């Protein structure tokens, strides 16, 4: 029983330590696999509430299309979708491979 509790503590510590990395990977996976134009599976609170258009949905759709390499549709939905996706991938790389610190004497 003590080893099981220790195991859970290690898992929780790992999640706390790598929360941002897990968040970005989960968000990119969700944006890749969610079907387009479906309010039943949308991540948008405004869509759930029945509003017609949400400013954030444009960039979400743009990232969705950029992940599927449909760059023209991505650009049409939001001009910052492709740069945003690049920035997110750079951040994921930084979290996976943190820069090594060098110390000068």
PDB file of N, CA and C in Angstrom:
ATOM      1  N   UNK A   1       0.824  -1.190   0.000  1.00  0.00           N
ATOM      2  CA  UNK A   1       0.000   0.000   0.000  1.00  0.00           C
ATOM      3  C   UNK A   1       0.871   1.258   0.000  1.00  0.00           C
ATOM      4  N   UNK A   2       1.982   1.176   0.732  1.00  0.00           N
ATOM      5  CA  UNK A   2       2.871   2.326   0.816  1.00  0.00           C
ATOM      6  C   UNK A   2       3.514   2.625  -0.540  1.00  0.00           C
ATOM      7  N   UNK A   3       3.839   1.574  -1.304  1.00  0.00           N
ATOM      8  CA  UNK A   3       4.436   1.784  -2.627  1.00  0.00           C
ATOM      9  C   UNK A   3       3.424   2.364  -3.600  1.00  0.00           C
ATOM     10  N   UNK A   4       2.160   1.999  -3.459  1.00  0.00           N
ATOM     11  CA  UNK A   4       1.111   2.548  -4.318  1.00  0.00           C
ATOM     12  C   UNK A   4       0.930   4.045  -4.064  1.00  0.00           C
ATOM     13  N   UNK A   5       0.948   4.433  -2.795  1.00  0.00           N
ATOM     14  CA  UNK A   5       0.836   5.856  -2.455  1.00  0.00           C
ATOM     15  C   UNK A   5       2.049   6.614  -2.978  1.00  0.00           C
ATOM     16  N   UNK A   6       3.219   6.031  -2.846  1.00  0.00           N
ATOM     17  CA  UNK A   6       4.436   6.652  -3.362  1.00  0.00           C
ATOM     18  C   UNK A   6       4.360   6.807  -4.881  1.00  0.00           C
ATOM     19  N   UNK A   7       3.807   5.788  -5.554  1.00  0.00           N
ATOM     20  CA  UNK A   7       3.641   5.837  -7.006  1.00  0.00           C
ATOM     21  C   UNK A   7       2.722   6.993  -7.404  1.00  0.00           C
ATOM     22  N   UNK A   8       1.601   7.155  -6.688  1.00  0.00           N
ATOM     23  CA  UNK A   8       0.674   8.250  -6.987  1.00  0.00           C
ATOM     24  C   UNK A   8       1.313   9.607  -6.738  1.00  0.00           C
ATOM     25  N   UNK A   9       2.114   9.720  -5.693  1.00  0.00           N
ATOM     26  CA  UNK A   9       2.808  10.980  -5.413  1.00  0.00           C
ATOM     27  C   UNK A   9       3.780  11.318  -6.544  1.00  0.00           C
ATOM     28  N   UNK A  10       4.456  10.322  -7.096  1.00  0.00           N
ATOM     29  CA  UNK A  10       5.377  10.558  -8.207  1.00  0.00           C
ATOM     30  C   UNK A  10       4.615  11.006  -9.453  1.00  0.00           C
ATOM     31  N   UNK A  11       3.468  10.408  -9.709  1.00  0.00           N
ATOM     32  CA  UNK A  11       2.656  10.797 -10.866  1.00  0.00           C
ATOM     33  C   UNK A  11       2.159  12.235 -10.711  1.00  0.00           C
ATOM     34  N   UNK A  12       1.654  12.577  -9.546  1.00  0.00           N
ATOM     35  CA  UNK A  12       1.161  13.931  -9.306  1.00  0.00           C
ATOM     36  C   UNK A  12       2.299  14.940  -9.412  1.00  0.00           C
ATOM     37  N   UNK A  13       3.466  14.609  -8.883  1.00  0.00           N
ATOM     38  CA  UNK A  13       4.619  15.503  -8.987  1.00  0.00           C
ATOM     39  C   UNK A  13       5.022  15.683 -10.451  1.00  0.00           C
ATOM     40  N   UNK A  14       4.987  14.599 -11.231  1.00  0.00           N
ATOM     41  CA  UNK A  14       5.314  14.682 -12.661  1.00  0.00           C
ATOM     42  C   UNK A  14       4.329  15.550 -13.421  1.00  0.00           C
ATOM     43  N   UNK A  15       3.051  15.451 -13.086  1.00  0.00           N
ATOM     44  CA  UNK A  15       2.032  16.281 -13.742  1.00  0.00           C
ATOM     45  C   UNK A  15       2.232  17.745 -13.377  1.00  0.00           C
ATOM     46  N   UNK A  16       2.500  18.026 -12.113  1.00  0.00           N
ATOM     47  CA  UNK A  16       2.730  19.413 -11.694  1.00  0.00           C
ATOM     48  C   UNK A  16       3.973  19.988 -12.365  1.00  0.00           C
ATOM     49  N   UNK A  17       5.009  19.184 -12.467  1.00  0.00           N
ATOM     50  CA  UNK A  17       6.257  19.647 -13.063  1.00  0.00           C
ATOM     51  C   UNK A  17       6.103  19.912 -14.554  1.00  0.00           C
ATOM     52  N   UNK A  18       5.359  19.075 -15.252  1.00  0.00           N
ATOM     53  CA  UNK A  18       5.230  19.158 -16.710  1.00  0.00           C
ATOM     54  C   UNK A  18       3.851  19.616 -17.155  1.00  0.00           C
ATOM     55  N   UNK A  19       3.176  20.412 -16.344  1.00  0.00           N
ATOM     56  CA  UNK A  19       1.799  20.798 -16.654  1.00  0.00           C
ATOM     57  C   UNK A  19       1.696  21.561 -17.971  1.00  0.00           C
ATOM     58  N   UNK A  20       2.574  22.525 -18.196  1.00  0.00           N
ATOM     59  CA  UNK A  20       2.493  23.325 -19.423  1.00  0.00           C
ATOM     60  C   UNK A  20       2.704  22.458 -20.659  1.00  0.00           C
ATOM     61  N   UNK A  21       3.672  21.554 -20.588  1.00  0.00           N
ATOM     62  CA  UNK A  21       3.923  20.643 -21.710  1.00  0.00           C
ATOM     63  C   UNK A  21       2.695  19.773 -21.983  1.00  0.00           C
ATOM     64  N   UNK A  22       2.116  19.202 -20.945  1.00  0.00           N
ATOM     65  CA  UNK A  22       0.915  18.375 -21.113  1.00  0.00           C
ATOM     66  C   UNK A  22      -0.246  19.195 -21.666  1.00  0.00           C
ATOM     67  N   UNK A  23      -0.374  20.442 -21.216  1.00  0.00           N
ATOM     68  CA  UNK A  23      -1.438  21.316 -21.698  1.00  0.00           C
ATOM     69  C   UNK A  23      -1.313  21.544 -23.201  1.00  0.00           C
ATOM     70  N   UNK A  24      -0.110  21.939 -23.680  1.00  0.00           N
ATOM     71  CA  UNK A  24       0.067  22.245 -25.099  1.00  0.00           C
ATOM     72  C   UNK A  24      -0.107  21.005 -25.967  1.00  0.00           C
ATOM     73  N   UNK A  25       0.408  19.875 -25.527  1.00  0.00           N
ATOM     74  CA  UNK A  25       0.258  18.651 -26.316  1.00  0.00           C
ATOM     75  C   UNK A  25      -1.218  18.242 -26.384  1.00  0.00           C
ATOM     76  N   UNK A  26      -1.926  18.352 -25.262  1.00  0.00           N
ATOM     77  CA  UNK A  26      -3.356  18.021 -25.245  1.00  0.00           C
ATOM     78  C   UNK A  26      -4.148  18.981 -26.128  1.00  0.00           C
ATOM     79  N   UNK A  27      -3.829  20.267 -26.063  1.00  0.00           N
ATOM     80  CA  UNK A  27      -4.543  21.261 -26.874  1.00  0.00           C
ATOM     81  C   UNK A  27      -4.316  21.032 -28.363  1.00  0.00           C
ATOM     82  N   UNK A  28      -3.085  20.750 -28.755  1.00  0.00           N
ATOM     83  CA  UNK A  28      -2.789  20.516 -30.176  1.00  0.00           C
ATOM     84  C   UNK A  28      -3.454  19.220 -30.661  1.00  0.00           C
ATOM     85  N   UNK A  29      -3.474  18.209 -29.810  1.00  0.00           N
ATOM     86  CA  UNK A  29      -4.146  16.950 -30.175  1.00  0.00           C
ATOM     87  C   UNK A  29      -5.648  17.176 -30.333  1.00  0.00           C
ATOM     88  N   UNK A  30      -6.244  17.923 -29.404  1.00  0.00           N
ATOM     89  CA  UNK A  30      -7.682  18.205 -29.493  1.00  0.00           C
ATOM     90  C   UNK A  30      -8.001  19.016 -30.738  1.00  0.00           C
ATOM     91  N   UNK A  31      -7.198  20.030 -31.037  1.00  0.00           N
ATOM     92  CA  UNK A  31      -7.447  20.841 -32.232  1.00  0.00           C
ATOM     93  C   UNK A  31      -7.262  20.028 -33.513  1.00  0.00           C
ATOM     94  N   UNK A  32      -6.380  19.062 -33.495  1.00  0.00           N
ATOM     95  CA  UNK A  32      -6.168  18.239 -34.683  1.00  0.00           C
ATOM     96  C   UNK A  32      -7.349  17.303 -34.925  1.00  0.00           C
ATOM     97  N   UNK A  33      -7.860  16.674 -33.874  1.00  0.00           N
ATOM     98  CA  UNK A  33      -8.863  15.628 -34.049  1.00  0.00           C
ATOM     99  C   UNK A  33     -10.316  16.097 -33.961  1.00  0.00           C
ATOM    100  N   UNK A  34     -10.578  17.296 -33.435  1.00  0.00           N
ATOM    101  CA  UNK A  34     -11.963  17.751 -33.373  1.00  0.00           C
ATOM    102  C   UNK A  34     -12.484  18.052 -34.766  1.00  0.00           C
ATOM    103  N   UNK A  35     -13.712  17.608 -35.061  1.00  0.00           N
ATOM    104  CA  UNK A  35     -14.279  17.911 -36.376  1.00  0.00           C
ATOM    105  C   UNK A  35     -14.598  19.390 -36.503  1.00  0.00           C
ATOM    106  N   UNK A  36     -14.487  19.891 -37.702  1.00  0.00           N
ATOM    107  CA  UNK A  36     -14.745  21.300 -37.985  1.00  0.00           C
ATOM    108  C   UNK A  36     -16.247  21.576 -37.970  1.00  0.00           C
ATOM    109  N   UNK A  37     -16.625  22.733 -37.464  1.00  0.00           N
ATOM    110  CA  UNK A  37     -18.009  23.233 -37.479  1.00  0.00           C
ATOM    111  C   UNK A  37     -18.994  22.331 -36.735  1.00  0.00           C
ATOM    112  N   UNK A  38     -18.564  21.724 -35.652  1.00  0.00           N
ATOM    113  CA  UNK A  38     -19.482  20.915 -34.864  1.00  0.00           C
ATOM    114  C   UNK A  38     -19.586  21.509 -33.466  1.00  0.00           C
ATOM    115  N   UNK A  39     -20.733  22.056 -33.125  1.00  0.00           N
ATOM    116  CA  UNK A  39     -20.887  22.686 -31.820  1.00  0.00           C
ATOM    117  C   UNK A  39     -20.943  21.655 -30.697  1.00  0.00           C
ATOM    118  N   UNK A  40     -21.273  20.405 -31.025  1.00  0.00           N
ATOM    119  CA  UNK A  40     -21.349  19.373 -29.988  1.00  0.00           C
ATOM    120  C   UNK A  40     -19.972  19.025 -29.443  1.00  0.00           C
ATOM    121  N   UNK A  41     -18.925  19.158 -30.270  1.00  0.00           N
ATOM    122  CA  UNK A  41     -17.593  18.791 -29.822  1.00  0.00           C
ATOM    123  C   UNK A  41     -16.660  19.996 -29.761  1.00  0.00           C
ATOM    124  N   UNK A  42     -17.195  21.179 -29.791  1.00  0.00           N
ATOM    125  CA  UNK A  42     -16.379  22.389 -29.767  1.00  0.00           C
ATOM    126  C   UNK A  42     -15.813  22.619 -28.369  1.00  0.00           C
ATOM    127  N   UNK A  43     -14.634  23.247 -28.329  1.00  0.00           N
ATOM    128  CA  UNK A  43     -14.031  23.623 -27.052  1.00  0.00           C
ATOM    129  C   UNK A  43     -14.440  25.031 -26.634  1.00  0.00           C
ATOM    130  N   UNK A  44     -15.225  25.704 -27.452  1.00  0.00           N
ATOM    131  CA  UNK A  44     -15.568  27.106 -27.232  1.00  0.00           C
ATOM    132  C   UNK A  44     -16.799  27.245 -26.343  1.00  0.00           C
ATOM    133  N   UNK A  45     -16.658  28.010 -25.266  1.00  0.00           N
ATOM    134  CA  UNK A  45     -17.776  28.251 -24.357  1.00  0.00           C
ATOM    135  C   UNK A  45     -18.868  29.061 -25.045  1.00  0.00           C
ATOM    136  N   UNK A  46     -18.471  30.023 -25.909  1.00  0.00           N
ATOM    137  CA  UNK A  46     -19.459  30.837 -26.619  1.00  0.00           C
ATOM    138  C   UNK A  46     -20.302  29.984 -27.562  1.00  0.00           C
ATOM    139  N   UNK A  47     -19.702  28.993 -28.191  1.00  0.00           N
ATOM    140  CA  UNK A  47     -20.450  28.082 -29.060  1.00  0.00           C
ATOM    141  C   UNK A  47     -21.421  27.252 -28.231  1.00  0.00           C
ATOM    142  N   UNK A  48     -20.978  26.809 -27.065  1.00  0.00           N
ATOM    143  CA  UNK A  48     -21.859  26.041 -26.176  1.00  0.00           C
ATOM    144  C   UNK A  48     -23.064  26.871 -25.752  1.00  0.00           C
ATOM    145  N   UNK A  49     -22.846  28.196 -25.589  1.00  0.00           N
ATOM    146  CA  UNK A  49     -23.935  29.070 -25.158  1.00  0.00           C
ATOM    147  C   UNK A  49     -24.824  29.529 -26.302  1.00  0.00           C
ATOM    148  N   UNK A  50     -24.455  29.191 -27.544  1.00  0.00           N
ATOM    149  CA  UNK A  50     -25.296  29.490 -28.687  1.00  0.00           C
ATOM    150  C   UNK A  50     -24.987  30.777 -29.421  1.00  0.00           C
ATOM    151  N   UNK A  51     -23.873  31.433 -29.094  1.00  0.00           N
ATOM    152  CA  UNK A  51     -23.495  32.634 -29.835  1.00  0.00           C
ATOM    153  C   UNK A  51     -23.026  32.249 -31.229  1.00  0.00           C
ATOM    154  N   UNK A  52     -23.260  33.107 -32.203  1.00  0.00           N
ATOM    155  CA  UNK A  52     -22.936  32.802 -33.584  1.00  0.00           C
ATOM    156  C   UNK A  52     -21.447  32.757 -33.883  1.00  0.00           C
ATOM    157  N   UNK A  53     -20.701  33.741 -33.386  1.00  0.00           N
ATOM    158  CA  UNK A  53     -19.278  33.816 -33.732  1.00  0.00           C
ATOM    159  C   UNK A  53     -18.475  34.219 -32.505  1.00  0.00           C
ATOM    160  N   UNK A  54     -17.348  33.587 -32.356  1.00  0.00           N
ATOM    161  CA  UNK A  54     -16.429  33.892 -31.264  1.00  0.00           C
ATOM    162  C   UNK A  54     -15.095  34.303 -31.875  1.00  0.00           C
ATOM    163  N   UNK A  55     -14.483  35.390 -31.438  1.00  0.00           N
ATOM    164  CA  UNK A  55     -13.204  35.809 -32.012  1.00  0.00           C
ATOM    165  C   UNK A  55     -12.108  34.769 -31.846  1.00  0.00           C
ATOM    166  N   UNK A  56     -12.144  34.005 -30.785  1.00  0.00           N
ATOM    167  CA  UNK A  56     -11.131  32.976 -30.569  1.00  0.00           C
ATOM    168  C   UNK A  56     -11.296  31.769 -31.463  1.00  0.00           C
ATOM    169  N   UNK A  57     -12.510  31.528 -31.948  1.00  0.00           N
ATOM    170  CA  UNK A  57     -12.738  30.374 -32.816  1.00  0.00           C
ATOM    171  C   UNK A  57     -11.982  30.501 -34.129  1.00  0.00           C
ATOM    172  N   UNK A  58     -11.791  31.713 -34.604  1.00  0.00           N
ATOM    173  CA  UNK A  58     -11.055  31.903 -35.853  1.00  0.00           C
ATOM    174  C   UNK A  58      -9.638  31.377 -35.759  1.00  0.00           C
ATOM    175  N   UNK A  59      -8.955  31.673 -34.659  1.00  0.00           N
ATOM    176  CA  UNK A  59      -7.589  31.186 -34.522  1.00  0.00           C
ATOM    177  C   UNK A  59      -7.573  29.687 -34.230  1.00  0.00           C
ATOM    178  N   UNK A  60      -8.578  29.198 -33.522  1.00  0.00           N
ATOM    179  CA  UNK A  60      -8.676  27.751 -33.304  1.00  0.00           C
ATOM    180  C   UNK A  60      -8.862  27.004 -34.615  1.00  0.00           C
ATOM    181  N   UNK A  61      -9.735  27.518 -35.473  1.00  0.00           N
ATOM    182  CA  UNK A  61      -9.940  26.898 -36.782  1.00  0.00           C
ATOM    183  C   UNK A  61      -8.684  27.032 -37.641  1.00  0.00           C
ATOM    184  N   UNK A  62      -8.012  28.178 -37.545  1.00  0.00           N
ATOM    185  CA  UNK A  62      -6.782  28.379 -38.317  1.00  0.00           C
ATOM    186  C   UNK A  62      -5.717  27.376 -37.906  1.00  0.00           C
ATOM    187  N   UNK A  63      -5.571  27.138 -36.608  1.00  0.00           N
ATOM    188  CA  UNK A  63      -4.588  26.148 -36.139  1.00  0.00           C
ATOM    189  C   UNK A  63      -5.004  24.752 -36.570  1.00  0.00           C
ATOM    190  N   UNK A  64      -6.307  24.466 -36.523  1.00  0.00           N
ATOM    191  CA  UNK A  64      -6.803  23.162 -36.984  1.00  0.00           C
ATOM    192  C   UNK A  64      -6.411  22.919 -38.443  1.00  0.00           C
ATOM    193  N   UNK A  65      -6.664  23.904 -39.287  1.00  0.00           N
ATOM    194  CA  UNK A  65      -6.326  23.751 -40.704  1.00  0.00           C
ATOM    195  C   UNK A  65      -4.811  23.704 -40.923  1.00  0.00           C
ATOM    196  N   UNK A  66      -4.050  24.479 -40.157  1.00  0.00           N
ATOM    197  CA  UNK A  66      -2.594  24.448 -40.298  1.00  0.00           C
ATOM    198  C   UNK A  66      -2.040  23.083 -39.880  1.00  0.00           C
ATOM    199  N   UNK A  67      -2.609  22.479 -38.859  1.00  0.00           N
ATOM    200  CA  UNK A  67      -2.179  21.135 -38.455  1.00  0.00           C
ATOM    201  C   UNK A  67      -2.464  20.106 -39.544  1.00  0.00           C
ATOM    202  N   UNK A  68      -3.500  20.355 -40.339  1.00  0.00           N
ATOM    203  CA  UNK A  68      -3.833  19.479 -41.460  1.00  0.00           C
ATOM    204  C   UNK A  68      -3.165  19.927 -42.761  1.00  0.00           C
ATOM    205  N   UNK A  69      -2.260  20.905 -42.651  1.00  0.00           N
ATOM    206  CA  UNK A  69      -1.479  21.445 -43.766  1.00  0.00           C
ATOM    207  C   UNK A  69      -2.340  22.098 -44.844  1.00  0.00           C
ATOM    208  N   UNK A  70      -3.517  22.569 -44.488  1.00  0.00           N
ATOM    209  CA  UNK A  70      -4.359  23.350 -45.398  1.00  0.00           C
ATOM    210  C   UNK A  70      -4.091  24.822 -45.090  1.00  0.00           C
ATOM    211  N   UNK A  71      -2.969  25.335 -45.590  1.00  0.00           N
ATOM    212  CA  UNK A  71      -2.476  26.648 -45.211  1.00  0.00           C
ATOM    213  C   UNK A  71      -3.350  27.783 -45.735  1.00  0.00           C
ATOM    214  N   UNK A  72      -3.974  27.601 -46.881  1.00  0.00           N
ATOM    215  CA  UNK A  72      -4.844  28.654 -47.429  1.00  0.00           C
ATOM    216  C   UNK A  72      -6.073  28.825 -46.535  1.00  0.00           C
ATOM    217  N   UNK A  73      -6.725  27.723 -46.161  1.00  0.00           N
ATOM    218  CA  UNK A  73      -7.895  27.810 -45.277  1.00  0.00           C
ATOM    219  C   UNK A  73      -7.482  28.353 -43.908  1.00  0.00           C
ATOM    220  N   UNK A  74      -6.295  27.984 -43.449  1.00  0.00           N
ATOM    221  CA  UNK A  74      -5.797  28.499 -42.178  1.00  0.00           C
ATOM    222  C   UNK A  74      -5.655  30.014 -42.233  1.00  0.00           C
ATOM    223  N   UNK A  75      -5.057  30.509 -43.286  1.00  0.00           N
ATOM    224  CA  UNK A  75      -4.857  31.949 -43.446  1.00  0.00           C
ATOM    225  C   UNK A  75      -6.194  32.670 -43.575  1.00  0.00           C
ATOM    226  N   UNK A  76      -7.180  32.042 -44.221  1.00  0.00           N
ATOM    227  CA  UNK A  76      -8.490  32.663 -44.392  1.00  0.00           C
ATOM    228  C   UNK A  76      -9.241  32.781 -43.063  1.00  0.00           C
ATOM    229  N   UNK A  77      -9.031  31.839 -42.152  1.00  0.00           N
ATOM    230  CA  UNK A  77      -9.731  31.890 -40.873  1.00  0.00           C
ATOM    231  C   UNK A  77      -9.099  32.893 -39.908  1.00  0.00           C
ATOM    232  N   UNK A  78      -7.782  32.947 -39.880  1.00  0.00           N
ATOM    233  CA  UNK A  78      -7.109  33.918 -39.014  1.00  0.00           C
ATOM    234  C   UNK A  78      -5.673  34.063 -39.482  1.00  0.00           C
ATOM    235  N   UNK A  79      -5.249  35.291 -39.626  1.00  0.00           N
ATOM    236  CA  UNK A  79      -3.914  35.568 -40.164  1.00  0.00           C
ATOM    237  C   UNK A  79      -2.800  35.086 -39.222  1.00  0.00           C
ATOM    238  N   UNK A  80      -3.093  34.981 -37.926  1.00  0.00           N
ATOM    239  CA  UNK A  80      -2.071  34.590 -36.952  1.00  0.00           C
ATOM    240  C   UNK A  80      -2.091  33.105 -36.611  1.00  0.00           C
ATOM    241  N   UNK A  81      -2.870  32.300 -37.328  1.00  0.00           N
ATOM    242  CA  UNK A  81      -2.945  30.870 -37.029  1.00  0.00           C
ATOM    243  C   UNK A  81      -1.632  30.147 -37.257  1.00  0.00           C
ATOM    244  N   UNK A  82      -1.010  30.371 -38.401  1.00  0.00           N
ATOM    245  CA  UNK A  82       0.255  29.689 -38.721  1.00  0.00           C
ATOM    246  C   UNK A  82       1.386  30.186 -37.814  1.00  0.00           C
ATOM    247  N   UNK A  83       1.562  31.519 -37.643  1.00  0.00           N
ATOM    248  CA  UNK A  83       2.601  31.949 -36.694  1.00  0.00           C
ATOM    249  C   UNK A  83       2.333  31.458 -35.267  1.00  0.00           C
ATOM    250  N   UNK A  84       1.076  31.421 -34.862  1.00  0.00           N
ATOM    251  CA  UNK A  84       0.743  30.915 -33.530  1.00  0.00           C
ATOM    252  C   UNK A  84       1.121  29.461 -33.363  1.00  0.00           C
ATOM    253  N   UNK A  85       0.848  28.672 -34.391  1.00  0.00           N
ATOM    254  CA  UNK A  85       1.204  27.257 -34.351  1.00  0.00           C
ATOM    255  C   UNK A  85       2.721  27.072 -34.272  1.00  0.00           C
ATOM    256  N   UNK A  86       3.451  27.866 -35.020  1.00  0.00           N
ATOM    257  CA  UNK A  86       4.916  27.786 -34.981  1.00  0.00           C
ATOM    258  C   UNK A  86       5.428  28.137 -33.583  1.00  0.00           C
ATOM    259  N   UNK A  87       4.861  29.185 -32.989  1.00  0.00           N
ATOM    260  CA  UNK A  87       5.270  29.591 -31.640  1.00  0.00           C
ATOM    261  C   UNK A  87       4.962  28.491 -30.623  1.00  0.00           C
ATOM    262  N   UNK A  88       3.807  27.862 -30.743  1.00  0.00           N
ATOM    263  CA  UNK A  88       3.448  26.778 -29.826  1.00  0.00           C
ATOM    264  C   UNK A  88       4.402  25.601 -29.991  1.00  0.00           C
ATOM    265  N   UNK A  89       4.750  25.246 -31.226  1.00  0.00           N
ATOM    266  CA  UNK A  89       5.694  24.143 -31.439  1.00  0.00           C
ATOM    267  C   UNK A  89       7.077  24.480 -30.898  1.00  0.00           C
ATOM    268  N   UNK A  90       7.496  25.728 -31.032  1.00  0.00           N
ATOM    269  CA  UNK A  90       8.784  26.142 -30.465  1.00  0.00           C
ATOM    270  C   UNK A  90       8.743  26.012 -28.940  1.00  0.00           C
ATOM    271  N   UNK A  91       7.615  26.407 -28.336  1.00  0.00           N
ATOM    272  CA  UNK A  91       7.493  26.294 -26.880  1.00  0.00           C
ATOM    273  C   UNK A  91       7.503  24.838 -26.433  1.00  0.00           C
ATOM    274  N   UNK A  92       6.839  23.963 -27.174  1.00  0.00           N
ATOM    275  CA  UNK A  92       6.849  22.533 -26.837  1.00  0.00           C
ATOM    276  C   UNK A  92       8.278  22.003 -26.907  1.00  0.00           C
ATOM    277  N   UNK A  93       9.034  22.405 -27.933  1.00  0.00           N
ATOM    278  CA  UNK A  93      10.430  21.982 -28.059  1.00  0.00           C
ATOM    279  C   UNK A  93      11.254  22.480 -26.875  1.00  0.00           C
ATOM    280  N   UNK A  94      11.024  23.744 -26.447  1.00  0.00           N
ATOM    281  CA  UNK A  94      11.745  24.280 -25.294  1.00  0.00           C
ATOM    282  C   UNK A  94      11.423  23.505 -24.018  1.00  0.00           C
ATOM    283  N   UNK A  95      10.174  23.083 -23.882  1.00  0.00           N
ATOM    284  CA  UNK A  95       9.793  22.325 -22.692  1.00  0.00           C
ATOM    285  C   UNK A  95      10.344  20.907 -22.713  1.00  0.00           C
ATOM    286  N   UNK A  96      10.419  20.313 -23.913  1.00  0.00           N
ATOM    287  CA  UNK A  96      10.974  18.969 -24.027  1.00  0.00           C
ATOM    288  C   UNK A  96      12.492  18.950 -23.866  1.00  0.00           C
ATOM    289  N   UNK A  97      13.156  19.953 -24.429  1.00  0.00           N
ATOM    290  CA  UNK A  97      14.613  20.033 -24.399  1.00  0.00           C
ATOM    291  C   UNK A  97      15.033  21.385 -23.845  1.00  0.00           C
ATOM    292  N   UNK A  98      15.006  21.527 -22.512  1.00  0.00           N
ATOM    293  CA  UNK A  98      15.367  22.829 -21.932  1.00  0.00           C
ATOM    294  C   UNK A  98      16.843  23.159 -22.226  1.00  0.00           C
ATOM    295  N   UNK A  99      17.147  24.440 -22.401  1.00  0.00           N
ATOM    296  CA  UNK A  99      18.542  24.805 -22.670  1.00  0.00           C
ATOM    297  C   UNK A  99      19.411  24.513 -21.455  1.00  0.00           C
ATOM    298  N   UNK A 100      20.623  24.042 -21.739  1.00  0.00           N
ATOM    299  CA  UNK A 100      21.549  23.753 -20.650  1.00  0.00           C
ATOM    300  C   UNK A 100      22.183  25.050 -20.179  1.00  0.00           C
ATOM    301  N   UNK A 101      22.248  25.208 -18.889  1.00  0.00           N
ATOM    302  CA  UNK A 101      22.824  26.420 -18.326  1.00  0.00           C
ATOM    303  C   UNK A 101      24.327  26.269 -18.253  1.00  0.00           C
ATOM    304  N   UNK A 102      24.998  27.322 -18.675  1.00  0.00           N
ATOM    305  CA  UNK A 102      26.449  27.329 -18.579  1.00  0.00           C
ATOM    306  C   UNK A 102      26.847  28.341 -17.526  1.00  0.00           C
ATOM    307  N   UNK A 103      27.807  27.989 -16.767  1.00  0.00           N
ATOM    308  CA  UNK A 103      28.282  28.857 -15.687  1.00  0.00           C
ATOM    309  C   UNK A 103      29.667  29.360 -16.035  1.00  0.00           C
ATOM    310  N   UNK A 104      29.821  30.661 -15.886  1.00  0.00           N
ATOM    311  CA  UNK A 104      31.122  31.266 -16.142  1.00  0.00           C
ATOM    312  C   UNK A 104      31.821  31.501 -14.817  1.00  0.00           C
ATOM    313  N   UNK A 105      33.108  31.319 -14.835  1.00  0.00           N
ATOM    314  CA  UNK A 105      33.880  31.496 -13.602  1.00  0.00           C
ATOM    315  C   UNK A 105      34.307  32.921 -13.419  1.00  0.00           C
TER     316      UNK A 105
END
